[in-house]
C-alpha atoms as a PDB file:
ATOM      1  CA  MET A   1      85.187  91.577  92.066  1.00  0.00           C
ATOM      2  CA  ASP A   2      84.726  87.769  91.846  1.00  0.00           C
ATOM      3  CA  ASP A   3      86.053  84.921  94.016  1.00  0.00           C
ATOM      4  CA  ASP A   4      89.457  85.294  92.334  1.00  0.00           C
ATOM      5  CA  GLY A   5      89.920  88.664  94.028  1.00  0.00           C
ATOM      6  CA  TYR A   6      91.600  91.246  91.825  1.00  0.00           C
ATOM      7  CA  PHE A   7      93.217  88.622  89.579  1.00  0.00           C
ATOM      8  CA  GLY A   8      90.274  87.031  87.775  1.00  0.00           C
ATOM      9  CA  GLU A   9      90.012  85.960  84.153  1.00  0.00           C
ATOM     10  CA  PRO A  10      90.355  89.458  82.586  1.00  0.00           C
ATOM     11  CA  VAL A  11      93.733  89.885  84.323  1.00  0.00           C
ATOM     12  CA  ALA A  12      94.825  86.255  83.891  1.00  0.00           C
ATOM     13  CA  ALA A  13      94.127  86.412  80.149  1.00  0.00           C
ATOM     14  CA  ARG A  14      96.726  89.136  79.610  1.00  0.00           C
ATOM     15  CA  TYR A  15      99.064  88.492  82.522  1.00  0.00           C
ATOM     16  CA  ASP A  16     101.741  86.664  80.516  1.00  0.00           C
ATOM     17  CA  ASP A  17     103.046  89.652  78.567  1.00  0.00           C
ATOM     18  CA  PRO A  18     106.292  88.796  76.753  1.00  0.00           C
ATOM     19  CA  SER A  19     107.111  92.504  76.484  1.00  0.00           C
ATOM     20  CA  ASP A  20     107.124  92.792  80.289  1.00  0.00           C
ATOM     21  CA  GLU A  21     110.655  92.748  81.713  1.00  0.00           C
ATOM     22  CA  ARG A  22     109.588  90.103  84.255  1.00  0.00           C
ATOM     23  CA  PHE A  23     109.234  87.550  81.453  1.00  0.00           C
ATOM     24  CA  HIS A  24     112.617  88.252  79.839  1.00  0.00           C
ATOM     25  CA  PRO A  25     114.565  84.965  79.758  1.00  0.00           C
ATOM     26  CA  ALA A  26     117.561  86.519  81.535  1.00  0.00           C
ATOM     27  CA  VAL A  27     115.389  87.778  84.405  1.00  0.00           C
ATOM     28  CA  VAL A  28     113.650  84.421  84.806  1.00  0.00           C
ATOM     29  CA  ALA A  29     116.971  82.557  84.611  1.00  0.00           C
ATOM     30  CA  ALA A  30     118.619  84.716  87.309  1.00  0.00           C
ATOM     31  CA  THR A  31     115.595  84.241  89.568  1.00  0.00           C
ATOM     32  CA  VAL A  32     115.457  80.481  89.074  1.00  0.00           C
ATOM     33  CA  ASP A  33     119.230  80.096  89.505  1.00  0.00           C
ATOM     34  CA  LEU A  34     119.145  81.664  92.965  1.00  0.00           C
ATOM     35  CA  LEU A  35     115.989  79.857  94.064  1.00  0.00           C
ATOM     36  CA  ALA A  36     117.274  76.483  92.895  1.00  0.00           C
ATOM     37  CA  GLU A  37     120.513  77.057  94.804  1.00  0.00           C
ATOM     38  CA  LEU A  38     118.605  77.865  97.999  1.00  0.00           C
ATOM     39  CA  ALA A  39     116.173  74.957  97.598  1.00  0.00           C
ATOM     40  CA  GLY A  40     119.009  72.448  97.282  1.00  0.00           C
ATOM     41  CA  ALA A  41     117.669  68.907  97.329  1.00  0.00           C
ATOM     42  CA  GLY A  42     114.437  69.935  99.053  1.00  0.00           C
ATOM     43  CA  ARG A  43     110.989  71.186  98.087  1.00  0.00           C
ATOM     44  CA  ALA A  44     109.970  74.764  97.242  1.00  0.00           C
ATOM     45  CA  LEU A  45     106.762  76.606  98.124  1.00  0.00           C
ATOM     46  CA  GLU A  46     105.702  79.560  95.968  1.00  0.00           C
ATOM     47  CA  LEU A  47     103.180  81.948  97.478  1.00  0.00           C
ATOM     48  CA  GLY A  48     101.096  83.642  94.800  1.00  0.00           C
ATOM     49  CA  VAL A  49     102.165  81.120  92.164  1.00  0.00           C
ATOM     50  CA  GLY A  50      99.999  82.762  89.479  1.00  0.00           C
ATOM     51  CA  THR A  51     100.496  81.467  85.950  1.00  0.00           C
ATOM     52  CA  GLY A  52     103.764  79.738  86.809  1.00  0.00           C
ATOM     53  CA  ARG A  53     106.286  82.270  85.477  1.00  0.00           C
ATOM     54  CA  ILE A  54     108.855  81.073  88.046  1.00  0.00           C
ATOM     55  CA  ALA A  55     107.361  77.806  89.329  1.00  0.00           C
ATOM     56  CA  LEU A  56     107.468  76.060  85.950  1.00  0.00           C
ATOM     57  CA  PRO A  57     111.135  76.696  85.094  1.00  0.00           C
ATOM     58  CA  LEU A  58     112.113  75.979  88.709  1.00  0.00           C
ATOM     59  CA  ALA A  59     110.293  72.642  88.527  1.00  0.00           C
ATOM     60  CA  GLY A  60     112.041  72.074  85.209  1.00  0.00           C
ATOM     61  CA  ARG A  61     115.333  72.326  87.084  1.00  0.00           C
ATOM     62  CA  GLY A  62     114.300  69.329  89.169  1.00  0.00           C
ATOM     63  CA  VAL A  63     113.029  71.206  92.241  1.00  0.00           C
ATOM     64  CA  PRO A  64     109.630  69.918  93.443  1.00  0.00           C
ATOM     65  CA  VAL A  65     107.403  73.008  93.606  1.00  0.00           C
ATOM     66  CA  HIS A  66     104.052  73.515  95.298  1.00  0.00           C
ATOM     67  CA  GLY A  67     102.137  76.762  94.833  1.00  0.00           C
ATOM     68  CA  VAL A  68      99.441  78.624  96.728  1.00  0.00           C
ATOM     69  CA  ASP A  69      97.172  81.120  94.980  1.00  0.00           C
ATOM     70  CA  MET A  70      93.690  82.529  95.472  1.00  0.00           C
ATOM     71  CA  SER A  71      92.963  82.992  91.761  1.00  0.00           C
ATOM     72  CA  ARG A  72      91.542  79.930  90.037  1.00  0.00           C
ATOM     73  CA  ALA A  73      91.806  81.781  86.711  1.00  0.00           C
ATOM     74  CA  MET A  74      95.563  82.254  87.126  1.00  0.00           C
ATOM     75  CA  VAL A  75      96.018  78.641  88.214  1.00  0.00           C
ATOM     76  CA  ALA A  76      94.071  77.445  85.163  1.00  0.00           C
ATOM     77  CA  ARG A  77      96.603  79.247  82.963  1.00  0.00           C
ATOM     78  CA  LEU A  78      99.438  77.503  84.794  1.00  0.00           C
ATOM     79  CA  ARG A  79      97.766  74.124  84.384  1.00  0.00           C
ATOM     80  CA  ALA A  80      97.379  74.650  80.624  1.00  0.00           C
ATOM     81  CA  LYS A  81     101.117  75.192  80.091  1.00  0.00           C
ATOM     82  CA  PRO A  82     103.616  72.447  79.281  1.00  0.00           C
ATOM     83  CA  GLY A  83     104.782  70.954  82.578  1.00  0.00           C
ATOM     84  CA  GLY A  84     101.886  72.513  84.474  1.00  0.00           C
ATOM     85  CA  GLU A  85     100.806  69.168  85.872  1.00  0.00           C
ATOM     86  CA  ALA A  86     104.134  68.863  87.698  1.00  0.00           C
ATOM     87  CA  VAL A  87     103.407  71.815  89.993  1.00  0.00           C
ATOM     88  CA  GLY A  88     101.028  71.074  92.831  1.00  0.00           C
ATOM     89  CA  VAL A  89      98.685  73.942  93.695  1.00  0.00           C
ATOM     90  CA  THR A  90      96.501  74.744  96.690  1.00  0.00           C
ATOM     91  CA  VAL A  91      93.849  77.412  96.149  1.00  0.00           C
ATOM     92  CA  GLY A  92      93.735  79.720  99.146  1.00  0.00           C
ATOM     93  CA  ASP A  93      94.993  82.842 100.908  1.00  0.00           C
ATOM     94  CA  PHE A  94      98.763  82.489 101.144  1.00  0.00           C
ATOM     95  CA  ALA A  95      98.830  84.486 104.391  1.00  0.00           C
ATOM     96  CA  THR A  96      97.256  81.591 106.278  1.00  0.00           C
ATOM     97  CA  THR A  97      97.042  78.529 104.000  1.00  0.00           C
ATOM     98  CA  ARG A  98      99.242  75.585 104.957  1.00  0.00           C
ATOM     99  CA  VAL A  99      99.931  72.562 102.797  1.00  0.00           C
ATOM    100  CA  ASP A 100     101.202  69.062 103.528  1.00  0.00           C
ATOM    101  CA  GLY A 101     104.862  68.512 104.202  1.00  0.00           C
ATOM    102  CA  THR A 102     107.774  70.848 104.802  1.00  0.00           C
ATOM    103  CA  PHE A 103     110.021  72.877 102.519  1.00  0.00           C
ATOM    104  CA  THR A 104     113.635  73.975 102.288  1.00  0.00           C
ATOM    105  CA  LEU A 105     112.525  77.112 100.418  1.00  0.00           C
ATOM    106  CA  ALA A 106     109.500  79.385 100.330  1.00  0.00           C
ATOM    107  CA  TYR A 107     109.375  82.473  98.138  1.00  0.00           C
ATOM    108  CA  LEU A 108     107.326  85.493  97.075  1.00  0.00           C
ATOM    109  CA  VAL A 109     108.345  87.308  93.891  1.00  0.00           C
ATOM    110  CA  TYR A 110     107.553  90.619  92.213  1.00  0.00           C
ATOM    111  CA  ASN A 111     105.938  92.591  95.074  1.00  0.00           C
ATOM    112  CA  THR A 112     103.429  89.834  95.868  1.00  0.00           C
ATOM    113  CA  ILE A 113     103.850  90.397  99.620  1.00  0.00           C
ATOM    114  CA  MET A 114     102.121  93.740  98.984  1.00  0.00           C
ATOM    115  CA  ASN A 115      98.955  91.921  97.872  1.00  0.00           C
ATOM    116  CA  LEU A 116      98.377  91.374 101.589  1.00  0.00           C
ATOM    117  CA  THR A 117      96.843  94.741 102.377  1.00  0.00           C
ATOM    118  CA  THR A 118      97.233  94.764 106.169  1.00  0.00           C
ATOM    119  CA  GLN A 119     100.245  94.537 108.430  1.00  0.00           C
ATOM    120  CA  ALA A 120      98.508  91.699 110.290  1.00  0.00           C
ATOM    121  CA  GLY A 121      98.199  89.749 107.051  1.00  0.00           C
ATOM    122  CA  GLN A 122     101.864  90.232 106.227  1.00  0.00           C
ATOM    123  CA  VAL A 123     102.899  89.155 109.729  1.00  0.00           C
ATOM    124  CA  ALA A 124     100.653  86.086 109.431  1.00  0.00           C
ATOM    125  CA  CYS A 125     102.341  85.218 106.124  1.00  0.00           C
ATOM    126  CA  PHE A 126     105.767  85.106 107.762  1.00  0.00           C
ATOM    127  CA  ARG A 127     104.447  82.907 110.562  1.00  0.00           C
ATOM    128  CA  THR A 128     102.713  80.568 108.116  1.00  0.00           C
ATOM    129  CA  VAL A 129     105.909  80.210 106.105  1.00  0.00           C
ATOM    130  CA  ALA A 130     108.086  79.670 109.186  1.00  0.00           C
ATOM    131  CA  ALA A 131     105.805  76.848 110.336  1.00  0.00           C
ATOM    132  CA  GLN A 132     106.330  75.038 107.008  1.00  0.00           C
ATOM    133  CA  LEU A 133     110.085  75.524 106.633  1.00  0.00           C
ATOM    134  CA  GLU A 134     112.542  72.847 107.582  1.00  0.00           C
ATOM    135  CA  PRO A 135     115.306  73.884 110.015  1.00  0.00           C
ATOM    136  CA  GLY A 136     117.877  75.751 107.945  1.00  0.00           C
ATOM    137  CA  GLY A 137     115.268  76.526 105.279  1.00  0.00           C
ATOM    138  CA  CYS A 138     114.901  79.952 103.667  1.00  0.00           C
ATOM    139  CA  PHE A 139     112.135  82.446 102.908  1.00  0.00           C
ATOM    140  CA  VAL A 140     112.848  84.737  99.939  1.00  0.00           C
ATOM    141  CA  VAL A 141     110.907  87.927  99.190  1.00  0.00           C
ATOM    142  CA  GLU A 142     111.347  90.174  96.152  1.00  0.00           C
ATOM    143  CA  VAL A 143     109.701  93.567  96.671  1.00  0.00           C
ATOM    144  CA  GLU A 144     110.145  97.212  95.770  1.00  0.00           C
ATOM    145  CA  VAL A 145     111.397  99.873  98.127  1.00  0.00           C
ATOM    146  CA  PRO A 146     108.484 102.320  98.596  1.00  0.00           C
ATOM    147  CA  SER A 147     108.763 105.211  96.133  1.00  0.00           C
ATOM    148  CA  LEU A 148     107.853 107.951  98.558  1.00  0.00           C
ATOM    149  CA  ARG A 149     110.903 110.038  97.650  1.00  0.00           C
ATOM    150  CA  ARG A 150     109.386 110.516  94.192  1.00  0.00           C
ATOM    151  CA  ILE A 151     106.287 112.210  95.598  1.00  0.00           C
ATOM    152  CA  PRO A 152     106.420 116.017  96.002  1.00  0.00           C
ATOM    153  CA  PRO A 153     105.225 117.417  99.359  1.00  0.00           C
ATOM    154  CA  GLY A 154     101.450 117.651  99.519  1.00  0.00           C
ATOM    155  CA  GLU A 155     100.869 115.107  96.739  1.00  0.00           C
ATOM    156  CA  ASP A 156     100.168 111.378  96.814  1.00  0.00           C
ATOM    157  CA  VAL A 157     100.312 110.181  93.184  1.00  0.00           C
ATOM    158  CA  VAL A 158     103.156 108.716  91.092  1.00  0.00           C
ATOM    159  CA  LEU A 159     102.450 108.487  87.352  1.00  0.00           C
ATOM    160  CA  TRP A 160     104.466 105.662  85.823  1.00  0.00           C
ATOM    161  CA  GLN A 161     102.884 105.112  82.411  1.00  0.00           C
ATOM    162  CA  ALA A 162     101.295 107.548  79.966  1.00  0.00           C
ATOM    163  CA  GLY A 163     100.369 106.976  76.350  1.00  0.00           C
ATOM    164  CA  PRO A 164      97.699 107.756  73.760  1.00  0.00           C
ATOM    165  CA  THR A 165      95.316 105.100  75.134  1.00  0.00           C
ATOM    166  CA  THR A 166      96.834 103.953  78.448  1.00  0.00           C
ATOM    167  CA  TRP A 167      97.646 105.641  81.758  1.00  0.00           C
ATOM    168  CA  ALA A 168      98.866 104.039  84.963  1.00  0.00           C
ATOM    169  CA  TYR A 169      99.577 105.605  88.325  1.00  0.00           C
ATOM    170  CA  ASP A 170     100.080 104.676  91.966  1.00  0.00           C
ATOM    171  CA  VAL A 171      98.387 106.399  94.911  1.00  0.00           C
ATOM    172  CA  TYR A 172     100.076 106.346  98.330  1.00  0.00           C
ATOM    173  CA  ASP A 173      98.795 106.996 101.842  1.00  0.00           C
ATOM    174  CA  ALA A 174     101.854 107.548 104.031  1.00  0.00           C
ATOM    175  CA  ALA A 175      99.747 107.422 107.206  1.00  0.00           C
ATOM    176  CA  THR A 176      98.491 103.857 106.668  1.00  0.00           C
ATOM    177  CA  GLN A 177     101.001 102.478 104.094  1.00  0.00           C
ATOM    178  CA  ALA A 178      98.022 101.725 101.878  1.00  0.00           C
ATOM    179  CA  CYS A 179      98.597 102.180  98.167  1.00  0.00           C
ATOM    180  CA  SER A 180      96.917 101.262  94.919  1.00  0.00           C
ATOM    181  CA  SER A 181      97.916 100.747  91.305  1.00  0.00           C
ATOM    182  CA  ASN A 182      95.405 102.295  88.951  1.00  0.00           C
ATOM    183  CA  TYR A 183      94.973 101.722  85.226  1.00  0.00           C
ATOM    184  CA  VAL A 184      92.985 103.699  82.662  1.00  0.00           C
ATOM    185  CA  ASN A 185      92.596 102.275  79.151  1.00  0.00           C
ATOM    186  CA  LEU A 186      90.719 103.499  76.109  1.00  0.00           C
ATOM    187  CA  VAL A 187      89.241 100.580  74.167  1.00  0.00           C
ATOM    188  CA  ASP A 188      87.189 101.342  71.056  1.00  0.00           C
ATOM    189  CA  GLY A 189      86.662 104.870  72.288  1.00  0.00           C
ATOM    190  CA  ARG A 190      85.389 103.784  75.717  1.00  0.00           C
ATOM    191  CA  GLY A 191      87.206 104.262  79.007  1.00  0.00           C
ATOM    192  CA  GLU A 192      88.099 101.302  81.215  1.00  0.00           C
ATOM    193  CA  PHE A 193      89.343 101.728  84.810  1.00  0.00           C
ATOM    194  CA  ARG A 194      90.904  99.168  87.145  1.00  0.00           C
ATOM    195  CA  SER A 195      92.357  99.653  90.621  1.00  0.00           C
ATOM    196  CA  ILE A 196      94.271  97.100  92.723  1.00  0.00           C
ATOM    197  CA  PRO A 197      95.016  97.767  96.414  1.00  0.00           C
ATOM    198  CA  PHE A 198      98.359  96.998  98.051  1.00  0.00           C
ATOM    199  CA  ARG A 199     100.236  97.705 101.265  1.00  0.00           C
ATOM    200  CA  TYR A 200     103.802  98.866 100.858  1.00  0.00           C
ATOM    201  CA  VAL A 201     106.345  97.636 103.359  1.00  0.00           C
ATOM    202  CA  TRP A 202     109.857  98.730 104.345  1.00  0.00           C
ATOM    203  CA  PRO A 203     112.883  96.389 104.516  1.00  0.00           C
ATOM    204  CA  ALA A 204     113.323  96.955 108.252  1.00  0.00           C
ATOM    205  CA  GLU A 205     109.634  96.222 108.814  1.00  0.00           C
ATOM    206  CA  LEU A 206     110.001  92.917 106.969  1.00  0.00           C
ATOM    207  CA  ASP A 207     112.998  92.074 109.146  1.00  0.00           C
ATOM    208  CA  LEU A 208     110.865  92.589 112.245  1.00  0.00           C
ATOM    209  CA  MET A 209     108.095  90.387 110.806  1.00  0.00           C
ATOM    210  CA  ALA A 210     110.701  87.707 110.182  1.00  0.00           C
ATOM    211  CA  GLN A 211     112.019  88.035 113.729  1.00  0.00           C
ATOM    212  CA  LEU A 212     108.504  87.641 115.138  1.00  0.00           C
ATOM    213  CA  ALA A 213     108.208  84.418 113.130  1.00  0.00           C
ATOM    214  CA  GLY A 214     111.519  83.063 114.395  1.00  0.00           C
ATOM    215  CA  LEU A 215     113.488  83.779 111.213  1.00  0.00           C
ATOM    216  CA  ARG A 216     116.701  85.763 110.803  1.00  0.00           C
ATOM    217  CA  LEU A 217     118.084  87.768 107.897  1.00  0.00           C
ATOM    218  CA  ARG A 218     120.787  85.961 105.923  1.00  0.00           C
ATOM    219  CA  GLU A 219     121.171  88.120 102.797  1.00  0.00           C
ATOM    220  CA  ARG A 220     119.733  91.215 101.145  1.00  0.00           C
ATOM    221  CA  TRP A 221     120.545  92.205  97.574  1.00  0.00           C
ATOM    222  CA  ALA A 222     119.300  94.886  95.197  1.00  0.00           C
ATOM    223  CA  GLY A 223     118.095  92.199  92.776  1.00  0.00           C
ATOM    224  CA  TRP A 224     118.415  88.627  91.573  1.00  0.00           C
ATOM    225  CA  ASP A 225     121.906  89.352  90.230  1.00  0.00           C
ATOM    226  CA  ARG A 226     123.019  89.755  93.873  1.00  0.00           C
ATOM    227  CA  ALA A 227     124.136  93.362  93.420  1.00  0.00           C
ATOM    228  CA  PRO A 228     124.695  95.133  96.767  1.00  0.00           C
ATOM    229  CA  PHE A 229     121.645  96.692  98.402  1.00  0.00           C
ATOM    230  CA  THR A 230     122.158 100.417  99.088  1.00  0.00           C
ATOM    231  CA  HIS A 231     120.104 103.469 100.028  1.00  0.00           C
ATOM    232  CA  GLU A 232     119.626 104.093  96.295  1.00  0.00           C
ATOM    233  CA  SER A 233     118.177 100.636  95.552  1.00  0.00           C
ATOM    234  CA  THR A 234     114.623 100.693  94.221  1.00  0.00           C
ATOM    235  CA  GLY A 235     113.920  97.108  95.276  1.00  0.00           C
ATOM    236  CA  HIS A 236     115.436  94.176  97.102  1.00  0.00           C
ATOM    237  CA  VAL A 237     115.629  90.403  97.238  1.00  0.00           C
ATOM    238  CA  SER A 238     115.846  89.377 100.889  1.00  0.00           C
ATOM    239  CA  VAL A 239     116.589  85.940 102.326  1.00  0.00           C
ATOM    240  CA  TRP A 240     115.600  84.965 105.858  1.00  0.00           C
ATOM    241  CA  GLU A 241     116.470  81.585 107.301  1.00  0.00           C
ATOM    242  CA  LYS A 242     114.969  79.356 109.944  1.00  0.00           C
ATOM    243  CA  PRO A 243     117.664  78.473 112.483  1.00  0.00           C
ATOM    244  CA  ALA A 244     118.873  74.901 112.261  1.00  0.00           C
ATOM    245  CA  ALA A 245     117.684  72.676 115.098  1.00  0.00           C
END
């Protein structure tokens, strides 16, 4: 593993996959619509900005966006895209990195909060965000609901992709909330294995982290379309706000 962590050049080079649902124009538009509404006339801070999937169209809507990311390879991809120069970026750990100024919106999309692999790191992230939000500002997190109900008793693996040359599966440790996404690929007859660690987190646990940081829950939906969140939801988009002064 290099200085870019688990998201170095090999991952950055194939990260923008147009066949991935995340990159579907309707998904991006719904995400940007909600974020632009919450940002209002203020600035937005994206944690784990990556290649700019959301930051670039949000900036294109007239919202000033600043990103934080540890991967220089991912940031280089963002910079090379049209409009990439309009998004300011700070290279660093988004759990603790602070940037100049304040924001009306901070956000983490697509399970990125799980890239912080300890509870302490996730708590620190909430506190770092709260310190940079303006009064009345919002912190938005998009993350899956842990899939533990899919795991039979005595097992710890969920297979979610299987094909002639590609397999992908998640491994869960219910005692520590540690998990990993694991990928096996056959390339020219040779096996290639990659594993990325995460820490899954429950909605109620996130609410407590927000409370510790001085934030309070405003909304929770099942997705960017603002569908109601229920016990059957597989993910959620949650909005916490910093109380107005």
